N, C-alpha and C. Protein backbone atom coordinates (compact mmCIF):
# COMPACT_ATOMS: atom_id res chain seq x y z
N MET A 1 46.13 -15.86 5.82
CA MET A 1 44.98 -16.50 6.39
C MET A 1 44.01 -15.48 6.99
N LYS A 2 44.56 -14.51 7.74
CA LYS A 2 43.71 -13.48 8.33
C LYS A 2 43.01 -12.67 7.24
N ASN A 3 43.72 -12.45 6.15
CA ASN A 3 43.19 -11.66 5.06
C ASN A 3 41.97 -12.35 4.43
N LYS A 4 42.01 -13.67 4.25
CA LYS A 4 40.89 -14.42 3.68
C LYS A 4 39.68 -14.38 4.60
N VAL A 5 39.91 -14.56 5.88
CA VAL A 5 38.82 -14.55 6.86
C VAL A 5 38.18 -13.16 6.89
N SER A 6 39.01 -12.13 6.93
CA SER A 6 38.45 -10.77 6.99
C SER A 6 37.68 -10.43 5.71
N ARG A 7 38.13 -10.91 4.57
CA ARG A 7 37.40 -10.67 3.32
C ARG A 7 36.05 -11.38 3.33
N LYS A 8 36.01 -12.60 3.85
CA LYS A 8 34.74 -13.33 3.92
C LYS A 8 33.78 -12.65 4.89
N ILE A 9 34.28 -12.19 6.01
CA ILE A 9 33.42 -11.49 6.98
C ILE A 9 32.90 -10.20 6.36
N PHE A 10 33.79 -9.43 5.74
CA PHE A 10 33.37 -8.18 5.10
C PHE A 10 32.38 -8.45 3.97
N GLY A 11 32.62 -9.49 3.20
CA GLY A 11 31.69 -9.84 2.11
C GLY A 11 30.32 -10.22 2.64
N GLY A 12 30.28 -10.99 3.73
CA GLY A 12 28.99 -11.37 4.34
C GLY A 12 28.23 -10.16 4.85
N ILE A 13 28.95 -9.24 5.50
CA ILE A 13 28.31 -8.01 6.01
C ILE A 13 27.80 -7.17 4.84
N ALA A 14 28.58 -7.09 3.77
CA ALA A 14 28.17 -6.30 2.60
C ALA A 14 26.91 -6.90 1.96
N ILE A 15 26.85 -8.21 1.84
CA ILE A 15 25.66 -8.86 1.26
C ILE A 15 24.43 -8.60 2.13
N ILE A 16 24.58 -8.73 3.43
CA ILE A 16 23.45 -8.47 4.33
C ILE A 16 23.02 -7.01 4.22
N GLY A 17 23.97 -6.10 4.15
CA GLY A 17 23.65 -4.68 4.00
C GLY A 17 22.89 -4.40 2.71
N ILE A 18 23.32 -5.01 1.63
CA ILE A 18 22.65 -4.81 0.34
C ILE A 18 21.23 -5.36 0.40
N LEU A 19 21.04 -6.53 1.01
CA LEU A 19 19.69 -7.10 1.13
C LEU A 19 18.77 -6.21 1.97
N VAL A 20 19.31 -5.63 3.05
CA VAL A 20 18.51 -4.73 3.88
C VAL A 20 18.12 -3.49 3.09
N ILE A 21 19.04 -2.93 2.35
CA ILE A 21 18.74 -1.74 1.54
C ILE A 21 17.68 -2.06 0.49
N ILE A 22 17.81 -3.20 -0.16
CA ILE A 22 16.82 -3.60 -1.17
C ILE A 22 15.45 -3.75 -0.51
N PHE A 23 15.39 -4.38 0.66
CA PHE A 23 14.12 -4.54 1.36
C PHE A 23 13.51 -3.19 1.71
N LEU A 24 14.33 -2.23 2.13
CA LEU A 24 13.82 -0.92 2.52
C LEU A 24 13.26 -0.13 1.34
N ILE A 25 13.79 -0.34 0.13
CA ILE A 25 13.30 0.43 -1.00
C ILE A 25 12.18 -0.26 -1.77
N LEU A 26 11.87 -1.50 -1.39
CA LEU A 26 10.77 -2.20 -2.05
C LEU A 26 9.46 -1.49 -1.78
N PRO A 27 8.52 -1.53 -2.72
CA PRO A 27 7.20 -0.95 -2.45
C PRO A 27 6.47 -1.77 -1.38
N ALA A 28 5.57 -1.12 -0.68
CA ALA A 28 4.85 -1.77 0.42
C ALA A 28 4.03 -2.97 -0.06
N SER A 29 3.59 -2.96 -1.30
CA SER A 29 2.79 -4.08 -1.81
C SER A 29 3.61 -5.36 -1.92
N ILE A 30 4.92 -5.24 -1.97
CA ILE A 30 5.80 -6.42 -1.98
C ILE A 30 6.33 -6.68 -0.57
N LYS A 31 6.65 -5.60 0.14
CA LYS A 31 7.22 -5.72 1.48
C LYS A 31 6.23 -6.32 2.47
N GLY A 32 4.94 -5.99 2.36
CA GLY A 32 3.93 -6.51 3.29
C GLY A 32 3.85 -8.02 3.30
N PRO A 33 3.64 -8.66 2.13
CA PRO A 33 3.63 -10.14 2.12
C PRO A 33 4.95 -10.76 2.58
N MET A 34 6.08 -10.10 2.30
CA MET A 34 7.36 -10.62 2.77
C MET A 34 7.42 -10.57 4.30
N LYS A 35 6.95 -9.45 4.86
CA LYS A 35 6.96 -9.30 6.32
C LYS A 35 6.05 -10.34 6.96
N GLU A 36 4.90 -10.62 6.32
CA GLU A 36 3.99 -11.65 6.83
C GLU A 36 4.68 -13.01 6.87
N SER A 37 5.42 -13.35 5.83
CA SER A 37 6.15 -14.63 5.79
C SER A 37 7.24 -14.69 6.84
N ILE A 38 7.96 -13.61 7.01
CA ILE A 38 9.04 -13.57 8.00
C ILE A 38 8.46 -13.72 9.40
N GLN A 39 7.32 -13.05 9.66
CA GLN A 39 6.72 -13.16 10.99
C GLN A 39 6.26 -14.58 11.30
N SER A 40 5.84 -15.32 10.29
CA SER A 40 5.39 -16.68 10.56
C SER A 40 6.54 -17.57 11.03
N PHE A 41 7.79 -17.21 10.67
CA PHE A 41 8.95 -17.96 11.16
C PHE A 41 9.43 -17.44 12.51
N THR A 42 9.45 -16.11 12.67
CA THR A 42 9.98 -15.54 13.91
C THR A 42 8.99 -15.58 15.06
N MET A 43 7.70 -15.61 14.76
CA MET A 43 6.66 -15.71 15.78
C MET A 43 5.77 -16.89 15.40
N PRO A 44 6.09 -18.09 15.81
CA PRO A 44 5.37 -19.28 15.34
C PRO A 44 3.88 -19.29 15.69
N TRP A 45 3.47 -18.49 16.64
CA TRP A 45 2.06 -18.41 17.03
C TRP A 45 1.29 -17.43 16.15
N SER A 46 1.95 -16.60 15.36
CA SER A 46 1.27 -15.56 14.59
C SER A 46 0.31 -16.10 13.53
N PRO A 47 0.61 -17.19 12.81
CA PRO A 47 -0.36 -17.67 11.82
C PRO A 47 -1.71 -18.06 12.46
N ASP A 48 -1.68 -18.58 13.69
CA ASP A 48 -2.93 -18.93 14.37
C ASP A 48 -3.77 -17.69 14.65
N VAL A 49 -3.12 -16.64 15.14
CA VAL A 49 -3.82 -15.40 15.47
C VAL A 49 -4.41 -14.80 14.19
N ILE A 50 -3.60 -14.72 13.15
CA ILE A 50 -4.04 -14.12 11.90
C ILE A 50 -5.17 -14.93 11.27
N ALA A 51 -5.10 -16.25 11.35
CA ALA A 51 -6.16 -17.10 10.78
C ALA A 51 -7.51 -16.82 11.45
N ILE A 52 -7.50 -16.61 12.75
CA ILE A 52 -8.76 -16.33 13.46
C ILE A 52 -9.32 -14.98 13.01
N ILE A 53 -8.47 -13.98 12.88
CA ILE A 53 -8.93 -12.65 12.43
C ILE A 53 -9.42 -12.73 10.99
N LYS A 54 -8.72 -13.43 10.13
CA LYS A 54 -9.13 -13.55 8.72
C LYS A 54 -10.47 -14.27 8.58
N ASP A 55 -10.77 -15.21 9.47
CA ASP A 55 -12.02 -15.97 9.39
C ASP A 55 -13.22 -15.22 9.97
N ALA A 56 -12.97 -14.16 10.72
CA ALA A 56 -14.07 -13.39 11.31
C ALA A 56 -14.86 -12.69 10.21
N LYS A 57 -16.13 -12.50 10.45
CA LYS A 57 -17.01 -11.85 9.46
C LYS A 57 -16.93 -10.33 9.57
N VAL A 58 -16.98 -9.68 8.43
CA VAL A 58 -17.03 -8.22 8.35
C VAL A 58 -18.40 -7.77 8.87
N PRO A 59 -18.44 -6.74 9.74
CA PRO A 59 -19.73 -6.27 10.25
C PRO A 59 -20.72 -5.94 9.13
N GLN A 60 -21.94 -6.40 9.29
CA GLN A 60 -23.05 -6.17 8.38
C GLN A 60 -22.81 -6.74 6.98
N ASN A 61 -21.94 -7.73 6.89
CA ASN A 61 -21.65 -8.39 5.61
C ASN A 61 -21.50 -9.88 5.87
N ASP A 62 -21.67 -10.68 4.84
CA ASP A 62 -21.52 -12.12 4.96
C ASP A 62 -20.21 -12.58 4.32
N VAL A 63 -19.15 -11.79 4.56
CA VAL A 63 -17.85 -12.04 3.97
C VAL A 63 -16.82 -12.02 5.10
N SER A 64 -15.82 -12.87 5.02
CA SER A 64 -14.76 -12.83 6.03
C SER A 64 -13.75 -11.74 5.68
N PHE A 65 -13.02 -11.28 6.70
CA PHE A 65 -12.00 -10.26 6.46
C PHE A 65 -10.93 -10.78 5.51
N GLY A 66 -10.58 -12.05 5.64
CA GLY A 66 -9.56 -12.62 4.77
C GLY A 66 -9.96 -12.62 3.31
N SER A 67 -11.20 -13.05 3.02
CA SER A 67 -11.63 -13.08 1.62
C SER A 67 -11.88 -11.67 1.09
N MET A 68 -12.24 -10.74 1.97
CA MET A 68 -12.43 -9.36 1.55
C MET A 68 -11.10 -8.78 1.05
N LEU A 69 -10.03 -8.93 1.83
CA LEU A 69 -8.76 -8.35 1.41
C LEU A 69 -8.06 -9.15 0.32
N ALA A 70 -8.38 -10.43 0.20
CA ALA A 70 -7.74 -11.26 -0.83
C ALA A 70 -8.10 -10.78 -2.23
N ARG A 71 -9.14 -9.99 -2.36
CA ARG A 71 -9.55 -9.46 -3.66
C ARG A 71 -8.58 -8.41 -4.19
N TYR A 72 -7.70 -7.91 -3.32
CA TYR A 72 -6.87 -6.76 -3.68
C TYR A 72 -5.39 -7.15 -3.73
N LYS A 73 -4.63 -6.37 -4.49
CA LYS A 73 -3.22 -6.65 -4.74
C LYS A 73 -2.38 -6.50 -3.46
N GLY A 74 -1.49 -7.44 -3.28
CA GLY A 74 -0.53 -7.35 -2.18
C GLY A 74 -1.14 -7.44 -0.80
N ALA A 75 -2.26 -8.13 -0.66
CA ALA A 75 -2.88 -8.24 0.65
C ALA A 75 -1.92 -8.92 1.62
N ALA A 76 -1.77 -8.34 2.80
CA ALA A 76 -0.86 -8.90 3.80
C ALA A 76 -1.44 -8.70 5.19
N TRP A 77 -1.18 -9.66 6.04
CA TRP A 77 -1.62 -9.62 7.43
C TRP A 77 -0.39 -9.67 8.31
N THR A 78 -0.19 -8.62 9.11
CA THR A 78 0.99 -8.55 9.95
C THR A 78 0.61 -8.16 11.37
N ILE A 79 1.52 -8.46 12.28
CA ILE A 79 1.34 -8.08 13.67
C ILE A 79 2.27 -6.91 13.93
N GLY A 80 1.67 -5.82 14.41
CA GLY A 80 2.44 -4.62 14.68
C GLY A 80 2.84 -4.56 16.14
N GLU A 81 2.37 -3.55 16.84
CA GLU A 81 2.70 -3.38 18.23
C GLU A 81 2.23 -4.59 19.02
N LYS A 82 3.08 -5.06 19.92
CA LYS A 82 2.68 -6.21 20.70
C LYS A 82 3.30 -6.14 22.09
N ASN A 83 2.57 -6.68 23.04
CA ASN A 83 3.04 -6.83 24.40
C ASN A 83 2.70 -8.26 24.79
N VAL A 84 3.55 -9.20 24.36
CA VAL A 84 3.26 -10.62 24.49
C VAL A 84 4.46 -11.35 25.10
N ASP A 85 4.18 -12.55 25.62
CA ASP A 85 5.27 -13.40 26.10
C ASP A 85 5.78 -14.25 24.93
N GLU A 86 6.69 -15.18 25.22
CA GLU A 86 7.29 -15.99 24.14
C GLU A 86 6.29 -16.91 23.45
N ASN A 87 5.13 -17.15 24.09
CA ASN A 87 4.10 -18.00 23.50
C ASN A 87 3.02 -17.19 22.77
N GLY A 88 3.18 -15.87 22.73
CA GLY A 88 2.22 -15.03 22.03
C GLY A 88 1.00 -14.66 22.85
N ASN A 89 1.05 -14.87 24.16
CA ASN A 89 -0.07 -14.49 25.02
C ASN A 89 0.13 -13.05 25.47
N GLY A 90 -0.91 -12.24 25.31
CA GLY A 90 -0.85 -10.83 25.66
C GLY A 90 -1.70 -10.03 24.69
N THR A 91 -1.34 -8.78 24.50
CA THR A 91 -2.10 -7.91 23.60
C THR A 91 -1.24 -7.55 22.39
N MET A 92 -1.92 -7.35 21.27
CA MET A 92 -1.20 -7.00 20.04
C MET A 92 -2.14 -6.27 19.10
N THR A 93 -1.54 -5.64 18.11
CA THR A 93 -2.30 -4.99 17.05
C THR A 93 -2.02 -5.78 15.77
N VAL A 94 -3.09 -6.21 15.11
CA VAL A 94 -2.98 -6.94 13.86
C VAL A 94 -3.45 -6.02 12.73
N TYR A 95 -2.66 -5.97 11.66
CA TYR A 95 -3.00 -5.14 10.52
C TYR A 95 -3.31 -6.01 9.30
N GLY A 96 -4.36 -5.64 8.60
CA GLY A 96 -4.67 -6.23 7.31
C GLY A 96 -4.49 -5.13 6.28
N ASP A 97 -3.59 -5.31 5.34
CA ASP A 97 -3.27 -4.27 4.37
C ASP A 97 -3.54 -4.74 2.95
N ALA A 98 -4.00 -3.82 2.13
CA ALA A 98 -4.14 -4.04 0.69
C ALA A 98 -3.65 -2.78 -0.01
N TYR A 99 -3.10 -2.96 -1.19
CA TYR A 99 -2.46 -1.85 -1.89
C TYR A 99 -3.07 -1.66 -3.27
N LYS A 100 -2.92 -0.45 -3.76
CA LYS A 100 -3.40 -0.07 -5.09
C LYS A 100 -4.90 -0.35 -5.24
N VAL A 101 -5.66 0.07 -4.23
CA VAL A 101 -7.11 -0.12 -4.22
C VAL A 101 -7.76 1.17 -4.70
N ASN A 102 -8.69 1.05 -5.63
CA ASN A 102 -9.50 2.18 -6.07
C ASN A 102 -10.80 2.16 -5.27
N VAL A 103 -10.99 3.19 -4.47
CA VAL A 103 -12.16 3.27 -3.59
C VAL A 103 -13.10 4.34 -4.10
N GLU A 104 -14.37 4.01 -4.15
CA GLU A 104 -15.40 5.00 -4.45
C GLU A 104 -16.61 4.69 -3.58
N MET A 105 -16.86 5.61 -2.65
CA MET A 105 -17.98 5.42 -1.73
C MET A 105 -18.76 6.72 -1.63
N PRO A 106 -20.04 6.64 -1.32
CA PRO A 106 -20.85 7.84 -1.25
C PRO A 106 -20.43 8.74 -0.09
N SER A 107 -20.58 10.02 -0.31
CA SER A 107 -20.33 10.99 0.75
C SER A 107 -21.55 11.06 1.65
N VAL A 108 -21.33 11.32 2.92
CA VAL A 108 -22.47 11.46 3.83
C VAL A 108 -23.04 12.88 3.80
N MET A 109 -22.41 13.76 3.06
CA MET A 109 -22.93 15.11 2.88
C MET A 109 -24.14 15.05 1.96
N ALA A 110 -24.94 16.05 1.99
CA ALA A 110 -26.18 16.06 1.20
C ALA A 110 -25.97 16.41 -0.26
N ASP A 111 -24.73 16.52 -0.71
CA ASP A 111 -24.47 16.97 -2.08
C ASP A 111 -24.40 15.84 -3.11
N ASP A 112 -24.70 14.60 -2.74
CA ASP A 112 -24.72 13.45 -3.65
C ASP A 112 -23.41 13.25 -4.42
N THR A 113 -22.30 13.55 -3.80
CA THR A 113 -21.01 13.29 -4.43
C THR A 113 -20.41 12.00 -3.86
N ASN A 114 -19.41 11.51 -4.53
CA ASN A 114 -18.70 10.32 -4.06
C ASN A 114 -17.32 10.70 -3.58
N ILE A 115 -16.82 9.94 -2.66
CA ILE A 115 -15.43 10.08 -2.20
C ILE A 115 -14.63 9.03 -2.96
N THR A 116 -13.57 9.46 -3.61
CA THR A 116 -12.77 8.51 -4.39
C THR A 116 -11.30 8.60 -3.97
N TYR A 117 -10.68 7.45 -3.96
CA TYR A 117 -9.25 7.32 -3.74
C TYR A 117 -8.72 6.42 -4.85
N GLN A 118 -7.68 6.87 -5.53
CA GLN A 118 -7.08 6.08 -6.61
C GLN A 118 -5.78 5.45 -6.13
N ASN A 119 -5.63 4.16 -6.39
CA ASN A 119 -4.41 3.43 -6.05
C ASN A 119 -3.96 3.69 -4.61
N CYS A 120 -4.87 3.56 -3.68
CA CYS A 120 -4.55 3.89 -2.29
C CYS A 120 -4.26 2.63 -1.48
N HIS A 121 -3.68 2.87 -0.33
CA HIS A 121 -3.39 1.82 0.65
C HIS A 121 -4.60 1.75 1.60
N VAL A 122 -5.12 0.55 1.77
CA VAL A 122 -6.23 0.32 2.68
C VAL A 122 -5.71 -0.51 3.85
N ARG A 123 -6.07 -0.12 5.06
CA ARG A 123 -5.58 -0.84 6.25
C ARG A 123 -6.72 -1.08 7.23
N LEU A 124 -6.79 -2.32 7.69
CA LEU A 124 -7.68 -2.70 8.78
C LEU A 124 -6.82 -2.84 10.03
N LYS A 125 -7.29 -2.29 11.14
CA LYS A 125 -6.52 -2.35 12.38
C LYS A 125 -7.36 -3.06 13.44
N PHE A 126 -6.81 -4.13 14.00
CA PHE A 126 -7.49 -4.92 15.01
C PHE A 126 -6.72 -4.89 16.32
N ASP A 127 -7.44 -4.80 17.43
CA ASP A 127 -6.85 -5.01 18.75
C ASP A 127 -7.15 -6.45 19.13
N VAL A 128 -6.12 -7.19 19.47
CA VAL A 128 -6.26 -8.62 19.76
C VAL A 128 -5.65 -8.93 21.11
N THR A 129 -6.35 -9.75 21.87
CA THR A 129 -5.84 -10.26 23.14
C THR A 129 -5.81 -11.77 23.04
N ARG A 130 -4.70 -12.36 23.49
CA ARG A 130 -4.53 -13.80 23.42
C ARG A 130 -4.10 -14.29 24.80
N ALA A 131 -4.77 -15.33 25.30
CA ALA A 131 -4.44 -15.91 26.59
C ALA A 131 -4.50 -17.43 26.48
N ASN A 132 -3.55 -18.10 27.09
CA ASN A 132 -3.49 -19.57 27.08
C ASN A 132 -3.55 -20.15 25.66
N GLY A 133 -2.92 -19.46 24.72
CA GLY A 133 -2.88 -19.95 23.35
C GLY A 133 -4.16 -19.75 22.56
N GLU A 134 -5.13 -19.05 23.13
CA GLU A 134 -6.41 -18.80 22.45
C GLU A 134 -6.66 -17.30 22.34
N VAL A 135 -7.19 -16.87 21.20
CA VAL A 135 -7.58 -15.47 21.05
C VAL A 135 -8.85 -15.25 21.85
N THR A 136 -8.78 -14.34 22.83
CA THR A 136 -9.93 -14.07 23.68
C THR A 136 -10.68 -12.82 23.23
N LYS A 137 -10.00 -11.95 22.49
CA LYS A 137 -10.65 -10.75 21.98
C LYS A 137 -9.99 -10.36 20.67
N GLY A 138 -10.81 -10.05 19.68
CA GLY A 138 -10.32 -9.55 18.41
C GLY A 138 -11.31 -8.53 17.90
N THR A 139 -10.96 -7.27 18.01
CA THR A 139 -11.88 -6.18 17.67
C THR A 139 -11.32 -5.33 16.55
N LEU A 140 -12.14 -5.10 15.52
CA LEU A 140 -11.75 -4.18 14.46
C LEU A 140 -11.89 -2.77 15.02
N VAL A 141 -10.77 -2.07 15.10
CA VAL A 141 -10.74 -0.73 15.70
C VAL A 141 -10.99 0.33 14.65
N SER A 142 -10.34 0.18 13.49
CA SER A 142 -10.49 1.20 12.45
C SER A 142 -10.20 0.61 11.09
N VAL A 143 -10.65 1.33 10.09
CA VAL A 143 -10.35 1.00 8.70
C VAL A 143 -9.92 2.31 8.05
N SER A 144 -8.87 2.24 7.24
CA SER A 144 -8.38 3.48 6.64
C SER A 144 -8.16 3.31 5.15
N ALA A 145 -8.31 4.41 4.45
CA ALA A 145 -8.05 4.48 3.02
C ALA A 145 -7.19 5.73 2.81
N ALA A 146 -6.08 5.55 2.13
CA ALA A 146 -5.10 6.61 1.97
C ALA A 146 -4.67 7.06 3.37
N GLU A 147 -4.74 8.33 3.68
CA GLU A 147 -4.36 8.81 5.01
C GLU A 147 -5.56 9.01 5.92
N ASN A 148 -6.74 8.63 5.49
CA ASN A 148 -7.95 8.85 6.28
C ASN A 148 -8.32 7.59 7.06
N GLU A 149 -8.30 7.71 8.38
CA GLU A 149 -8.62 6.59 9.26
C GLU A 149 -10.01 6.80 9.84
N TYR A 150 -10.85 5.78 9.72
CA TYR A 150 -12.23 5.86 10.19
C TYR A 150 -12.44 4.84 11.31
N ASP A 151 -12.88 5.33 12.48
CA ASP A 151 -13.20 4.42 13.57
C ASP A 151 -14.69 4.12 13.56
N GLN A 152 -15.16 3.37 14.53
CA GLN A 152 -16.55 2.91 14.53
C GLN A 152 -17.57 4.05 14.66
N GLN A 153 -17.15 5.20 15.15
CA GLN A 153 -18.07 6.33 15.26
C GLN A 153 -18.23 7.09 13.94
N SER A 154 -17.34 6.86 13.00
CA SER A 154 -17.40 7.57 11.73
C SER A 154 -18.44 6.93 10.80
N PRO A 155 -19.22 7.76 10.10
CA PRO A 155 -20.17 7.18 9.14
C PRO A 155 -19.47 6.49 7.97
N TYR A 156 -18.20 6.81 7.72
CA TYR A 156 -17.47 6.21 6.61
C TYR A 156 -16.90 4.84 6.96
N TYR A 157 -16.87 4.49 8.22
CA TYR A 157 -16.36 3.19 8.67
C TYR A 157 -17.10 2.06 7.96
N GLN A 158 -18.42 2.03 8.09
CA GLN A 158 -19.20 0.95 7.48
C GLN A 158 -19.28 1.11 5.97
N LEU A 159 -19.32 2.35 5.47
CA LEU A 159 -19.36 2.56 4.02
C LEU A 159 -18.11 2.00 3.35
N LEU A 160 -16.94 2.22 3.97
CA LEU A 160 -15.70 1.70 3.40
C LEU A 160 -15.65 0.18 3.48
N LEU A 161 -16.09 -0.38 4.60
CA LEU A 161 -16.13 -1.85 4.71
C LEU A 161 -17.06 -2.44 3.66
N ASN A 162 -18.22 -1.84 3.47
CA ASN A 162 -19.16 -2.33 2.46
C ASN A 162 -18.55 -2.27 1.07
N PHE A 163 -17.85 -1.18 0.76
CA PHE A 163 -17.21 -1.06 -0.54
C PHE A 163 -16.16 -2.16 -0.72
N LEU A 164 -15.32 -2.36 0.29
CA LEU A 164 -14.27 -3.37 0.20
C LEU A 164 -14.84 -4.77 0.03
N CYS A 165 -16.03 -5.00 0.56
CA CYS A 165 -16.68 -6.32 0.41
C CYS A 165 -17.34 -6.47 -0.96
N GLY A 166 -17.39 -5.38 -1.71
CA GLY A 166 -18.03 -5.45 -3.02
C GLY A 166 -19.50 -5.07 -3.00
N ASN A 167 -19.94 -4.50 -1.89
CA ASN A 167 -21.35 -4.09 -1.76
C ASN A 167 -21.48 -2.60 -2.04
N ASN A 168 -21.12 -2.16 -3.21
CA ASN A 168 -21.20 -0.74 -3.53
C ASN A 168 -22.33 -0.45 -4.46
C-alpha cells in the first residue's frame, strides 16, 4: 500500500517537474500569452487593469495600445513588479509585449539612414496605480525594441510608437 502511494506521489511530482521544464524552454512568444492567461486566474483584478491600459490611446496617434500590439505575433499583456493588496490596489508595472517584430524607423542623425531590427521583441512598460478598484494613474514609461529602451526624453520614443501604429 505504501509503495502505491509513494509511486503516485513521485509520479505527480515528476509530471509537475516536466511541465515546469517545458514552460521554461518555450519561446517567449508562446510563454507571454500563457502567462497572461495564468495571471487572469491568479489575480482576478488583472484583466480590469489591463483592459484600461489596452483601451488608452497611443500618444500622437488615434490608435489604442491594445489594437497597436494586436497587429503583432504573440502579443501579451502581463503585470510584472507589483506592490498591491489582495484586491489589486497599489502600484504595479504592466508590460505589453510583441514578438518577431520587424522595425524600421528613421534615424535622428543627419545621415538619412534607417534603424532596423529584425524579428525583435518589442515591449511597452507602464506604471500603474490602482486605488479603490479603479486605475488612478496609467503612464507609458518606455518603449523598447530589441535591447534598446527609449523613454519619453528619447527622440526614438515617439518614432517607435508611430512605427508600431503603422504610421511609417
